[in-house]
Protein backbone atom coordinates (compact mmCIF):
# COMPACT_ATOMS: atom_id res chain seq x y z
CA MET A 1 -5.15 -13.79 9.60
CA TRP A 2 -3.45 -13.14 6.73
CA PHE A 3 0.00 -13.45 6.55
CA ILE A 4 2.85 -14.69 3.79
CA ARG A 5 5.73 -16.58 5.18
CA ASP A 6 8.21 -15.71 2.89
CA VAL A 7 11.37 -14.72 4.38
CA CYS A 8 12.20 -11.58 1.56
CA GLY A 9 8.84 -10.26 2.53
CA ILE A 10 9.28 -10.63 5.83
CA VAL A 11 13.09 -8.74 6.06
CA CYS A 12 11.26 -5.99 4.06
CA ALA A 13 8.22 -5.85 5.88
CA VAL A 14 10.63 -5.01 8.68
CA ILE A 15 12.89 -2.57 6.85
CA THR A 16 10.12 -0.65 6.29
CA TRP A 17 8.87 -0.41 9.48
CA LEU A 18 12.76 0.43 10.59
CA LEU A 19 12.90 3.29 8.27
CA VAL A 20 9.25 5.11 9.20
CA LEU A 21 11.83 4.53 12.91
CA TYR A 22 14.29 6.22 12.27
CA ALA A 23 12.79 9.04 10.69
CA GLU A 24 10.13 9.56 13.72
CA PHE A 25 13.37 9.52 15.59
CA VAL A 26 15.19 12.22 13.29
CA VAL A 27 12.25 14.93 13.49
CA LEU A 28 11.70 14.15 16.94
CA PHE A 29 14.59 14.01 18.71
CA VAL A 30 17.04 16.19 15.93
CA MET A 31 14.88 18.82 14.56
CA LEU A 32 11.47 19.38 17.66
CA LEU A 33 12.58 18.56 20.71
CA PRO A 34 15.56 20.99 20.52
CA SER A 35 13.54 23.50 18.78
CA LYS A 36 12.57 26.39 20.86
CA ASN A 37 9.25 27.30 18.57
CA LEU A 38 6.93 25.26 20.26
CA THR A 39 4.17 25.84 18.53
CA TYR A 40 6.01 24.58 15.74
CA SER A 41 6.82 21.28 17.37
CA ILE A 42 4.19 20.90 18.18
CA VAL A 43 2.03 21.73 14.79
CA ASN A 44 4.24 19.27 13.72
CA GLY A 45 5.03 16.48 15.80
CA THR A 46 1.36 15.81 15.91
CA LEU A 47 1.58 15.85 12.31
CA PHE A 48 4.12 14.14 11.58
CA ASN A 49 3.34 11.15 14.05
CA ILE A 50 -0.88 11.22 12.91
CA LEU A 51 0.88 10.21 9.07
CA ALA A 52 3.78 7.92 10.26
CA PHE A 53 0.68 5.58 12.76
CA LEU A 54 -1.50 5.97 9.70
CA ALA A 55 0.89 4.32 7.39
CA LEU A 56 1.61 1.67 9.14
CA ALA A 57 -1.38 1.07 10.00
CA SER A 58 -2.49 0.68 6.99
CA HIS A 59 0.86 -1.46 6.02
CA VAL A 60 0.28 -3.38 9.03
CA ARG A 61 -3.98 -3.88 6.76
CA ALA A 62 -2.50 -3.95 3.95
CA MET A 63 0.05 -7.02 4.85
CA CYS A 64 -2.31 -9.09 7.01
CA THR A 65 -5.46 -8.80 5.23
CA ASP A 66 -6.57 -11.67 2.49
CA PRO A 67 -5.92 -10.24 -1.27
CA GLY A 68 -8.90 -12.24 -2.32
CA ALA A 69 -7.85 -15.80 -2.07
CA VAL A 70 -9.37 -18.35 -4.49
CA PRO A 71 -10.51 -21.39 -2.73
CA LYS A 72 -7.46 -24.27 -2.77
CA GLY A 73 -8.21 -27.52 -4.30
CA ASN A 74 -11.65 -26.83 -5.14
CA ALA A 75 -10.82 -28.09 -8.94
CA THR A 76 -13.25 -31.40 -7.94
CA LYS A 77 -15.89 -33.23 -9.72
CA GLU A 78 -18.95 -32.16 -7.32
CA TYR A 79 -17.95 -28.50 -7.13
CA ILE A 80 -17.85 -28.20 -11.06
CA GLU A 81 -20.71 -30.03 -10.98
CA SER A 82 -22.83 -27.41 -8.79
CA LEU A 83 -21.37 -25.06 -11.04
CA GLN A 84 -24.74 -26.15 -13.33
CA LEU A 85 -22.46 -25.41 -16.17
CA LYS A 86 -24.58 -25.12 -19.24
CA PRO A 87 -23.68 -26.10 -22.90
CA GLY A 88 -20.20 -24.77 -24.17
CA GLN A 89 -19.71 -22.73 -20.73
CA VAL A 90 -16.12 -23.98 -19.81
CA VAL A 91 -14.39 -23.15 -16.80
CA TYR A 92 -10.26 -22.47 -15.80
CA LYS A 93 -8.74 -24.93 -13.15
CA CYS A 94 -4.69 -23.96 -12.37
CA PRO A 95 -3.13 -26.27 -12.78
CA LYS A 96 -0.57 -24.59 -9.80
CA CYS A 97 -3.13 -24.17 -6.74
CA CYS A 98 -6.27 -26.33 -8.31
CA SER A 99 -8.30 -24.07 -7.79
CA ILE A 100 -10.93 -22.64 -10.00
CA LYS A 101 -9.62 -19.58 -11.82
CA PRO A 102 -12.14 -17.36 -11.88
CA ASP A 103 -12.50 -14.11 -14.44
CA ARG A 104 -9.06 -11.69 -13.76
CA ALA A 105 -7.95 -14.04 -11.50
CA HIS A 106 -4.17 -14.48 -11.40
CA HIS A 107 -1.74 -17.04 -9.70
CA CYS A 108 0.79 -16.14 -7.70
CA SER A 109 4.06 -18.06 -7.11
CA VAL A 110 5.02 -16.35 -3.81
CA CYS A 111 1.48 -16.47 -2.21
CA LYS A 112 1.13 -19.96 -3.72
CA ARG A 113 -3.22 -18.94 -4.54
CA CYS A 114 -4.80 -16.75 -7.53
CA ILE A 115 -5.68 -13.92 -6.21
CA ARG A 116 -8.65 -12.35 -7.61
CA LYS A 117 -7.86 -8.95 -9.15
CA MET A 118 -4.34 -9.43 -8.29
CA ASP A 119 -2.24 -6.36 -9.55
CA HIS A 120 1.31 -7.87 -8.04
CA HIS A 121 2.48 -8.72 -5.48
CA CYS A 122 4.66 -6.11 -3.76
CA PRO A 123 7.24 -7.83 -1.20
CA TRP A 124 7.44 -4.00 0.98
CA VAL A 125 3.89 -5.18 2.23
CA ASN A 126 4.44 -9.13 2.14
CA ASN A 127 1.97 -9.12 0.10
CA CYS A 128 0.06 -9.43 -3.09
CA VAL A 129 -1.83 -6.45 -3.83
CA GLY A 130 -5.32 -7.28 -5.11
CA GLU A 131 -9.10 -7.07 -4.47
CA ASN A 132 -10.21 -6.74 -0.88
CA ASN A 133 -6.41 -4.90 0.37
CA GLN A 134 -5.86 -2.31 -2.87
CA LYS A 135 -6.82 0.53 -0.84
CA TYR A 136 -4.83 -0.28 1.47
CA PHE A 137 -2.33 -0.32 -0.34
CA VAL A 138 -3.28 2.95 -1.71
CA LEU A 139 -3.50 4.88 1.44
CA PHE A 140 0.05 3.33 2.76
CA THR A 141 1.78 5.07 -1.03
CA MET A 142 -0.12 8.27 0.07
CA TYR A 143 0.82 8.38 3.52
CA ILE A 144 4.74 6.93 3.17
CA ALA A 145 5.08 10.02 0.44
CA LEU A 146 3.30 12.58 3.24
CA ILE A 147 5.58 12.00 5.83
CA SER A 148 8.19 11.61 3.37
CA LEU A 149 7.77 15.01 1.77
CA HIS A 150 6.94 16.26 5.50
CA ALA A 151 10.27 15.53 6.66
CA LEU A 152 12.28 16.82 3.80
CA LEU A 153 10.43 20.19 3.93
CA MET A 154 11.28 20.62 7.87
CA VAL A 155 15.26 19.15 7.08
CA VAL A 156 15.28 22.18 4.80
CA PHE A 157 13.97 24.45 7.19
CA HIS A 158 16.03 22.85 10.23
CA PHE A 159 18.96 23.23 8.23
CA LEU A 160 17.88 27.40 7.66
CA TYR A 161 18.05 27.35 11.42
CA CYS A 162 20.98 26.24 11.91
CA PHE A 163 23.24 27.99 9.22
CA GLU A 164 21.38 30.73 11.26
CA ASP A 165 22.44 29.83 14.42
CA ASP A 166 25.10 28.40 16.19
CA TRP A 167 24.95 24.82 14.94
CA THR A 168 25.67 23.69 19.10
CA LYS A 169 22.08 25.36 19.99
CA CYS A 170 19.84 24.36 16.74
CA SER A 171 20.36 19.83 18.53
CA SER A 172 21.15 18.37 21.23
CA PHE A 173 23.86 16.25 18.73
CA SER A 174 27.28 17.46 18.32
CA PRO A 175 26.67 18.98 14.81
CA PRO A 176 28.68 15.99 12.97
CA ALA A 177 26.43 13.75 13.99
CA THR A 178 23.27 16.29 13.80
CA VAL A 179 24.73 16.79 10.18
CA ILE A 180 24.94 13.21 9.46
CA LEU A 181 21.84 12.21 10.33
CA LEU A 182 19.75 15.17 8.55
CA ILE A 183 21.85 13.58 5.27
CA LEU A 184 20.60 10.44 5.64
CA LEU A 185 17.23 11.10 6.68
CA CYS A 186 16.93 13.84 3.62
CA PHE A 187 17.77 10.71 0.96
CA GLU A 188 15.31 8.57 2.68
CA GLY A 189 12.29 11.32 2.27
CA LEU A 190 13.54 11.88 -0.84
CA LEU A 191 13.39 8.39 -2.36
CA PHE A 192 11.00 7.03 -1.24
CA LEU A 193 8.64 10.63 -1.93
CA ILE A 194 9.81 9.08 -5.54
CA PHE A 195 9.11 5.70 -5.15
CA THR A 196 5.64 5.80 -3.24
CA SER A 197 4.59 9.15 -5.66
CA VAL A 198 4.83 6.38 -8.68
CA MET A 199 2.98 3.72 -6.95
CA PHE A 200 0.37 5.82 -5.92
CA GLY A 201 -0.51 7.40 -9.45
CA THR A 202 0.30 4.20 -11.06
CA GLN A 203 -1.94 2.41 -8.26
CA VAL A 204 -5.12 4.99 -8.96
CA HIS A 205 -4.61 5.06 -12.94
CA SER A 206 -4.78 1.61 -12.53
CA ILE A 207 -8.28 1.93 -10.16
CA CYS A 208 -9.73 4.66 -12.56
CA THR A 209 -9.11 2.22 -15.65
CA ASP A 210 -9.89 -0.45 -14.09
CA GLU A 211 -7.46 -2.44 -15.42
CA THR A 212 -4.54 -4.40 -12.89
CA GLY A 213 -0.97 -4.50 -13.21
CA ILE A 214 -0.73 -7.98 -14.48
CA GLU A 215 -3.83 -6.98 -17.11
CA GLN A 216 -1.83 -3.71 -18.12
CA LEU A 217 1.05 -6.39 -18.60
CA LYS A 218 0.42 -9.17 -20.19
CA LYS A 219 -2.39 -6.61 -22.68
CA GLU A 220 -5.06 -9.19 -22.24
CA GLU A 221 -9.09 -8.44 -23.96
CA ARG A 222 -11.40 -6.66 -22.00
CA ARG A 223 -14.25 -8.95 -20.89
CA TRP A 224 -15.75 -6.87 -17.97
CA ALA A 225 -18.59 -4.37 -18.44
CA LYS A 226 -16.68 -0.79 -18.51
CA LYS A 227 -17.55 2.07 -15.93
CA THR A 228 -16.73 5.32 -15.36
CA LYS A 229 -13.70 6.31 -12.89
CA TRP A 230 -15.91 7.65 -10.16
CA MET A 231 -17.79 3.63 -9.81
CA ASN A 232 -14.08 2.15 -10.24
CA MET A 233 -13.37 4.44 -7.42
CA ARG A 234 -16.17 3.10 -5.07
CA ALA A 235 -15.65 -0.47 -6.00
CA VAL A 236 -11.75 -0.31 -4.23
CA PHE A 237 -12.78 2.55 -1.09
CA GLY A 238 -16.21 1.86 -0.29
CA HIS A 239 -19.88 3.64 -1.23
CA PRO A 240 -20.17 6.52 -0.68
CA PHE A 241 -17.79 8.50 -0.36
CA SER A 242 -16.55 9.59 3.20
CA LEU A 243 -13.88 10.22 5.53
CA LEU A 244 -13.90 6.54 5.73
CA TRP A 245 -12.18 6.32 2.58
CA PHE A 246 -8.89 7.24 3.87
CA SER A 247 -9.29 5.83 6.63
CA PRO A 248 -6.86 2.11 6.92
CA PHE A 249 -9.24 0.74 10.15
CA SER A 250 -12.50 0.70 7.32
CA THR A 251 -13.27 -2.00 5.39
CA PRO A 252 -14.54 -0.93 2.02
CA ASP A 253 -18.46 -1.13 1.59
CA HIS A 254 -17.72 -3.27 -2.12
CA GLY A 255 -22.28 -2.63 -2.39
CA LYS A 256 -23.03 -3.54 -5.61
CA ALA A 257 -19.34 -4.03 -7.10
CA GLU A 258 -18.71 -6.38 -9.73
CA THR A 259 -19.21 -10.65 -9.35
CA TYR A 260 -16.55 -12.21 -10.68
CA GLN A 261 -18.44 -15.37 -12.78
CA TYR A 262 -16.16 -19.09 -12.78
CA VAL A 263 -17.35 -19.65 -16.27
CA VAL A 264 -17.42 -18.17 -19.45
């Protein structure tokens, strides 16, 4: 089990769950259960709950999966000798965690470890986004964006329904409480739809270009082989393409993914 004991990250992770549960409460008890259209309630309730479940499952996997931490304190004389360095070859030692840094690894000050293919540290999942958990982070942003869009659409339809009908009949709550709950959900949904959509697009772009956020920010020189966008996607989500790409319960089979060298 991998879990980062960071107060800020834990608080952000709890807030994420509370916001999803709030959306679940408003969707079910304010909009769907009081609805007279049983088919509408069943279809939308089932779809929303499936997406919310996948979003929270992706969040847990992104938070509790080792992102690709380099073994701590392996910068020993015996280990360096085991690498059998040739004349002219060098290794990089991280002065903060005393580990031999493989290519494309960066040190995270929050995780206090060097992470392979570290993209960034995300407080909302209380973890780094790296080689081993990037798939789950991408799925998390995608499913949050989808439930945010779905909730916004249902809010719009519910407002239209309530304006045409009696407000006292379109919800089990009082009209003022109903309006407040719907407005808060609308604000939450719009905010997270924009935020997670941008994050999702950024992550997909980073995967396709095979360049992490840190590498783009630091404008690091590319020392690794250039591959096609499809090969880069398979390296993150697994080989070959299947519906398992969209499942947070499936661990990616990286197959012949790029190996990272300790020597240069």
